[in-house]
N, C-alpha and C. Protein backbone atom coordinates (compact mmCIF):
# COMPACT_ATOMS: atom_id res chain seq x y z
N UNK A 1 56.01 95.98 115.63
CA UNK A 1 57.12 95.64 116.51
C UNK A 1 56.88 96.36 117.84
N UNK A 2 56.96 95.65 118.93
CA UNK A 2 56.73 96.24 120.25
C UNK A 2 57.97 96.99 120.72
N UNK A 3 57.79 97.77 121.75
CA UNK A 3 58.90 98.54 122.31
C UNK A 3 59.99 97.61 122.84
N UNK A 4 59.59 96.51 123.49
CA UNK A 4 60.57 95.57 124.04
C UNK A 4 61.39 94.92 122.93
N UNK A 5 60.76 94.57 121.83
CA UNK A 5 61.49 93.98 120.71
C UNK A 5 62.45 95.00 120.10
N UNK A 6 62.01 96.24 119.96
CA UNK A 6 62.86 97.29 119.42
C UNK A 6 64.05 97.55 120.33
N UNK A 7 63.82 97.56 121.62
CA UNK A 7 64.89 97.75 122.59
C UNK A 7 65.88 96.59 122.53
N UNK A 8 65.38 95.37 122.43
CA UNK A 8 66.26 94.20 122.33
C UNK A 8 67.09 94.24 121.05
N UNK A 9 66.49 94.66 119.95
CA UNK A 9 67.22 94.77 118.69
C UNK A 9 68.30 95.84 118.77
N UNK A 10 67.98 96.96 119.39
CA UNK A 10 68.98 98.02 119.55
C UNK A 10 70.13 97.57 120.44
N UNK A 11 69.82 96.84 121.49
CA UNK A 11 70.85 96.32 122.39
C UNK A 11 71.74 95.31 121.66
N UNK A 12 71.14 94.46 120.84
CA UNK A 12 71.89 93.49 120.06
C UNK A 12 72.83 94.20 119.07
N UNK A 13 72.33 95.23 118.42
CA UNK A 13 73.16 96.01 117.49
C UNK A 13 74.31 96.70 118.21
N UNK A 14 74.04 97.23 119.39
CA UNK A 14 75.08 97.89 120.19
C UNK A 14 76.16 96.90 120.60
N UNK A 15 75.76 95.72 121.01
CA UNK A 15 76.74 94.68 121.39
C UNK A 15 77.58 94.26 120.18
N UNK A 16 76.95 94.12 119.02
CA UNK A 16 77.69 93.77 117.80
C UNK A 16 78.68 94.84 117.42
N UNK A 17 78.29 96.11 117.53
CA UNK A 17 79.19 97.21 117.22
C UNK A 17 80.37 97.21 118.19
N UNK A 18 80.08 97.02 119.50
CA UNK A 18 81.13 97.00 120.51
C UNK A 18 82.13 95.88 120.24
N UNK A 19 81.64 94.71 119.86
CA UNK A 19 82.51 93.57 119.57
C UNK A 19 83.38 93.86 118.35
N UNK A 20 82.78 94.36 117.26
CA UNK A 20 83.56 94.68 116.06
C UNK A 20 84.60 95.76 116.31
N UNK A 21 84.25 96.77 117.09
CA UNK A 21 85.20 97.82 117.43
C UNK A 21 86.37 97.24 118.22
N UNK A 22 86.08 96.32 119.12
CA UNK A 22 87.14 95.67 119.89
C UNK A 22 88.06 94.83 119.02
N UNK A 23 87.50 94.15 118.03
CA UNK A 23 88.32 93.33 117.13
C UNK A 23 89.26 94.23 116.32
N UNK A 24 88.73 95.35 115.81
CA UNK A 24 89.57 96.28 115.05
C UNK A 24 90.67 96.88 115.92
N UNK A 25 90.32 97.27 117.13
CA UNK A 25 91.29 97.87 118.04
C UNK A 25 92.35 96.85 118.44
N UNK A 26 91.95 95.62 118.66
CA UNK A 26 92.90 94.56 119.00
C UNK A 26 93.92 94.37 117.88
N UNK A 27 93.48 94.43 116.64
CA UNK A 27 94.39 94.27 115.50
C UNK A 27 95.40 95.43 115.45
N UNK A 28 94.97 96.62 115.79
CA UNK A 28 95.90 97.76 115.88
C UNK A 28 96.92 97.49 116.98
N UNK A 29 96.48 96.91 118.10
CA UNK A 29 97.39 96.55 119.19
C UNK A 29 98.41 95.52 118.77
N UNK A 30 97.98 94.52 117.99
CA UNK A 30 98.91 93.49 117.49
C UNK A 30 99.96 94.13 116.59
N UNK A 31 99.55 95.00 115.69
CA UNK A 31 100.49 95.67 114.79
C UNK A 31 101.47 96.54 115.56
N UNK A 32 100.99 97.26 116.57
CA UNK A 32 101.87 98.12 117.38
C UNK A 32 102.88 97.28 118.17
N UNK A 33 102.42 96.17 118.76
CA UNK A 33 103.32 95.30 119.52
C UNK A 33 104.37 94.68 118.60
N UNK A 34 103.96 94.24 117.43
CA UNK A 34 104.88 93.65 116.46
C UNK A 34 105.96 94.67 116.06
N UNK A 35 105.54 95.90 115.77
CA UNK A 35 106.48 96.94 115.36
C UNK A 35 107.44 97.30 116.50
N UNK A 36 106.93 97.36 117.74
CA UNK A 36 107.78 97.68 118.88
C UNK A 36 108.82 96.59 119.11
N UNK A 37 108.41 95.33 118.98
CA UNK A 37 109.35 94.23 119.16
C UNK A 37 110.42 94.25 118.07
N UNK A 38 110.01 94.55 116.84
CA UNK A 38 110.97 94.64 115.73
C UNK A 38 111.98 95.76 116.01
N UNK A 39 111.48 96.91 116.48
CA UNK A 39 112.35 98.05 116.79
C UNK A 39 113.35 97.73 117.89
N UNK A 40 112.90 96.98 118.89
CA UNK A 40 113.76 96.65 120.03
C UNK A 40 114.65 95.43 119.76
N UNK A 41 114.43 94.74 118.66
CA UNK A 41 115.24 93.58 118.33
C UNK A 41 114.92 92.35 119.15
N UNK A 42 113.66 92.22 119.56
CA UNK A 42 113.23 91.04 120.33
C UNK A 42 112.18 90.30 119.52
N UNK A 43 111.91 89.06 119.92
CA UNK A 43 110.97 88.21 119.19
C UNK A 43 109.56 88.34 119.78
N UNK A 44 108.60 88.73 118.95
CA UNK A 44 107.20 88.84 119.35
C UNK A 44 106.62 87.43 119.37
N UNK A 45 106.25 86.95 120.56
CA UNK A 45 105.78 85.57 120.71
C UNK A 45 104.29 85.45 120.48
N UNK A 46 103.87 84.37 119.92
CA UNK A 46 102.47 83.99 119.71
C UNK A 46 101.71 84.88 118.74
N UNK A 47 102.32 85.96 118.27
CA UNK A 47 101.69 86.87 117.30
C UNK A 47 100.29 87.30 117.74
N UNK A 48 100.12 87.56 119.04
CA UNK A 48 98.81 87.95 119.54
C UNK A 48 98.94 88.82 120.78
N UNK A 49 97.86 89.48 121.13
CA UNK A 49 97.77 90.25 122.37
C UNK A 49 96.53 89.77 123.12
N UNK A 50 96.52 89.98 124.44
CA UNK A 50 95.34 89.62 125.23
C UNK A 50 94.89 90.84 126.02
N UNK A 51 93.60 90.97 126.16
CA UNK A 51 93.02 92.13 126.82
C UNK A 51 93.32 92.11 128.31
N UNK A 52 93.81 93.23 128.83
CA UNK A 52 94.06 93.35 130.26
C UNK A 52 93.05 94.26 130.93
N UNK A 53 92.70 95.37 130.27
CA UNK A 53 91.72 96.26 130.89
C UNK A 53 90.97 97.08 129.85
N UNK A 54 89.80 97.55 130.26
CA UNK A 54 88.97 98.42 129.43
C UNK A 54 88.31 99.41 130.35
N UNK A 55 88.36 100.69 129.97
CA UNK A 55 87.64 101.70 130.72
C UNK A 55 87.40 102.91 129.84
N UNK A 56 86.46 103.72 130.25
CA UNK A 56 86.16 104.95 129.54
C UNK A 56 86.96 106.09 130.16
N UNK A 57 87.66 106.85 129.32
CA UNK A 57 88.46 107.99 129.78
C UNK A 57 88.15 109.18 128.88
N UNK A 58 88.61 110.33 129.27
CA UNK A 58 88.44 111.53 128.46
C UNK A 58 89.70 111.74 127.62
N UNK A 59 89.49 112.09 126.35
CA UNK A 59 90.63 112.38 125.47
C UNK A 59 91.05 113.84 125.65
N UNK A 60 91.97 114.31 124.80
CA UNK A 60 92.49 115.67 124.90
C UNK A 60 91.40 116.72 124.70
N UNK A 61 90.36 116.37 123.97
CA UNK A 61 89.25 117.30 123.72
C UNK A 61 88.15 117.21 124.78
N UNK A 62 88.33 116.34 125.76
CA UNK A 62 87.34 116.21 126.83
C UNK A 62 86.20 115.25 126.53
N UNK A 63 86.27 114.54 125.41
CA UNK A 63 85.21 113.58 125.06
C UNK A 63 85.53 112.20 125.64
N UNK A 64 84.49 111.48 126.01
CA UNK A 64 84.68 110.11 126.50
C UNK A 64 85.07 109.19 125.35
N UNK A 65 86.07 108.36 125.60
CA UNK A 65 86.45 107.37 124.60
C UNK A 65 86.97 106.13 125.32
N UNK A 66 86.92 104.98 124.66
CA UNK A 66 87.39 103.75 125.31
C UNK A 66 88.92 103.70 125.36
N UNK A 67 89.43 103.25 126.49
CA UNK A 67 90.87 103.01 126.62
C UNK A 67 91.05 101.53 126.90
N UNK A 68 91.82 100.89 126.05
CA UNK A 68 92.07 99.45 126.18
C UNK A 68 93.56 99.22 126.39
N UNK A 69 93.87 98.27 127.27
CA UNK A 69 95.25 97.87 127.49
C UNK A 69 95.35 96.39 127.14
N UNK A 70 96.30 96.07 126.29
CA UNK A 70 96.54 94.70 125.87
C UNK A 70 97.92 94.27 126.32
N UNK A 71 98.07 93.01 126.70
CA UNK A 71 99.37 92.43 127.05
C UNK A 71 99.83 91.52 125.94
N UNK A 72 101.14 91.39 125.81
CA UNK A 72 101.73 90.46 124.86
C UNK A 72 103.02 89.94 125.48
N UNK A 73 103.55 88.91 124.88
CA UNK A 73 104.81 88.35 125.36
C UNK A 73 105.85 88.41 124.26
N UNK A 74 107.10 88.62 124.68
CA UNK A 74 108.21 88.63 123.75
C UNK A 74 109.39 87.93 124.39
N UNK A 75 110.38 87.61 123.58
CA UNK A 75 111.55 86.90 124.05
C UNK A 75 112.80 87.65 123.62
N UNK A 76 113.74 87.76 124.55
CA UNK A 76 115.01 88.41 124.24
C UNK A 76 116.01 87.38 123.73
N UNK A 77 116.08 86.23 124.40
CA UNK A 77 117.08 85.22 124.05
C UNK A 77 116.51 84.02 123.32
N UNK A 78 115.20 83.88 123.28
CA UNK A 78 114.59 82.69 122.71
C UNK A 78 114.26 81.65 123.76
N UNK A 79 114.80 81.83 124.97
CA UNK A 79 114.56 80.89 126.07
C UNK A 79 113.76 81.52 127.20
N UNK A 80 113.26 82.71 126.99
CA UNK A 80 112.53 83.40 128.05
C UNK A 80 111.24 83.98 127.50
N UNK A 81 110.35 84.35 128.40
CA UNK A 81 109.09 85.01 128.04
C UNK A 81 108.95 86.23 128.94
N UNK A 82 108.83 87.38 128.31
CA UNK A 82 108.71 88.64 129.05
C UNK A 82 107.41 89.31 128.61
N UNK A 83 106.70 89.91 129.57
CA UNK A 83 105.45 90.58 129.26
C UNK A 83 105.69 92.03 128.86
N UNK A 84 104.94 92.44 127.85
CA UNK A 84 104.89 93.83 127.44
C UNK A 84 103.45 94.25 127.38
N UNK A 85 103.20 95.52 127.14
CA UNK A 85 101.82 95.98 127.04
C UNK A 85 101.71 97.13 126.04
N UNK A 86 100.51 97.29 125.52
CA UNK A 86 100.20 98.38 124.61
C UNK A 86 98.87 98.98 125.04
N UNK A 87 98.83 100.32 125.14
CA UNK A 87 97.61 101.03 125.55
C UNK A 87 97.09 101.82 124.36
N UNK A 88 95.79 101.66 124.09
CA UNK A 88 95.14 102.40 123.02
C UNK A 88 94.00 103.24 123.59
N UNK A 89 93.95 104.47 123.16
CA UNK A 89 92.82 105.35 123.51
C UNK A 89 92.06 105.58 122.22
N UNK A 90 90.88 105.01 122.14
CA UNK A 90 90.17 104.99 120.86
C UNK A 90 90.93 104.05 119.93
N UNK A 91 91.35 104.54 118.80
CA UNK A 91 92.16 103.75 117.86
C UNK A 91 93.62 104.20 117.85
N UNK A 92 93.99 105.09 118.76
CA UNK A 92 95.33 105.66 118.81
C UNK A 92 96.18 104.97 119.87
N UNK A 93 97.37 104.55 119.48
CA UNK A 93 98.32 103.96 120.43
C UNK A 93 98.92 105.09 121.25
N UNK A 94 98.75 105.02 122.57
CA UNK A 94 99.28 106.08 123.43
C UNK A 94 100.48 105.62 124.26
N UNK A 95 100.69 104.31 124.40
CA UNK A 95 101.83 103.82 125.15
C UNK A 95 102.14 102.38 124.76
N UNK A 96 103.42 102.10 124.61
CA UNK A 96 103.87 100.72 124.41
C UNK A 96 104.98 100.47 125.41
N UNK A 97 104.89 99.36 126.11
CA UNK A 97 105.91 99.00 127.09
C UNK A 97 106.58 97.70 126.67
N UNK A 98 107.83 97.83 126.30
CA UNK A 98 108.65 96.66 126.02
C UNK A 98 109.84 96.82 126.95
N UNK A 99 109.66 96.37 128.20
CA UNK A 99 110.69 96.55 129.21
C UNK A 99 111.77 95.51 129.11
N UNK A 100 112.79 95.72 129.88
CA UNK A 100 113.88 94.77 129.94
C UNK A 100 113.49 93.60 130.82
N UNK A 101 113.94 92.41 130.47
CA UNK A 101 113.61 91.24 131.29
C UNK A 101 114.26 91.35 132.66
N UNK A 102 113.69 90.69 133.66
CA UNK A 102 114.30 90.73 134.98
C UNK A 102 115.68 90.10 134.96
N UNK A 103 116.53 90.59 135.83
CA UNK A 103 117.89 90.05 135.91
C UNK A 103 117.84 88.60 136.38
N UNK A 104 118.74 87.77 135.83
CA UNK A 104 118.73 86.36 136.27
C UNK A 104 119.10 86.24 137.75
N UNK A 105 118.51 85.27 138.40
CA UNK A 105 118.77 85.02 139.80
C UNK A 105 119.73 83.86 139.91
N UNK A 106 120.83 84.10 140.59
CA UNK A 106 121.83 83.05 140.77
C UNK A 106 121.79 82.57 142.21
N UNK A 107 121.88 81.29 142.41
CA UNK A 107 121.93 80.73 143.75
C UNK A 107 123.31 80.16 143.99
N UNK A 108 123.83 80.44 145.14
CA UNK A 108 125.14 79.92 145.52
C UNK A 108 124.95 78.77 146.49
N UNK A 109 125.73 77.76 146.33
CA UNK A 109 125.62 76.59 147.21
C UNK A 109 126.70 76.58 148.22
């Protein structure tokens, strides 16, 4: 096996590991969002989260670890869609945002 083939194989393995780690972390994000919506008494829509950002940050011990932010949507009344987010550092949930929906806008004629 040549050096180029070995390098390509290692790169392929690294990409596979990165993808699997992302899938596992995403599932933790879904569970956290579902639990937060249940706690707040709102409906978790679509039963999924979508990736908003990824970056490397330092944890409390000073080691580099991936930080991922996922967005999800929930409904307060059943007729609205409000965005929330969940931030994970490694596999640990560090922040969940389930904010209040914007106030309705009334127009006067």
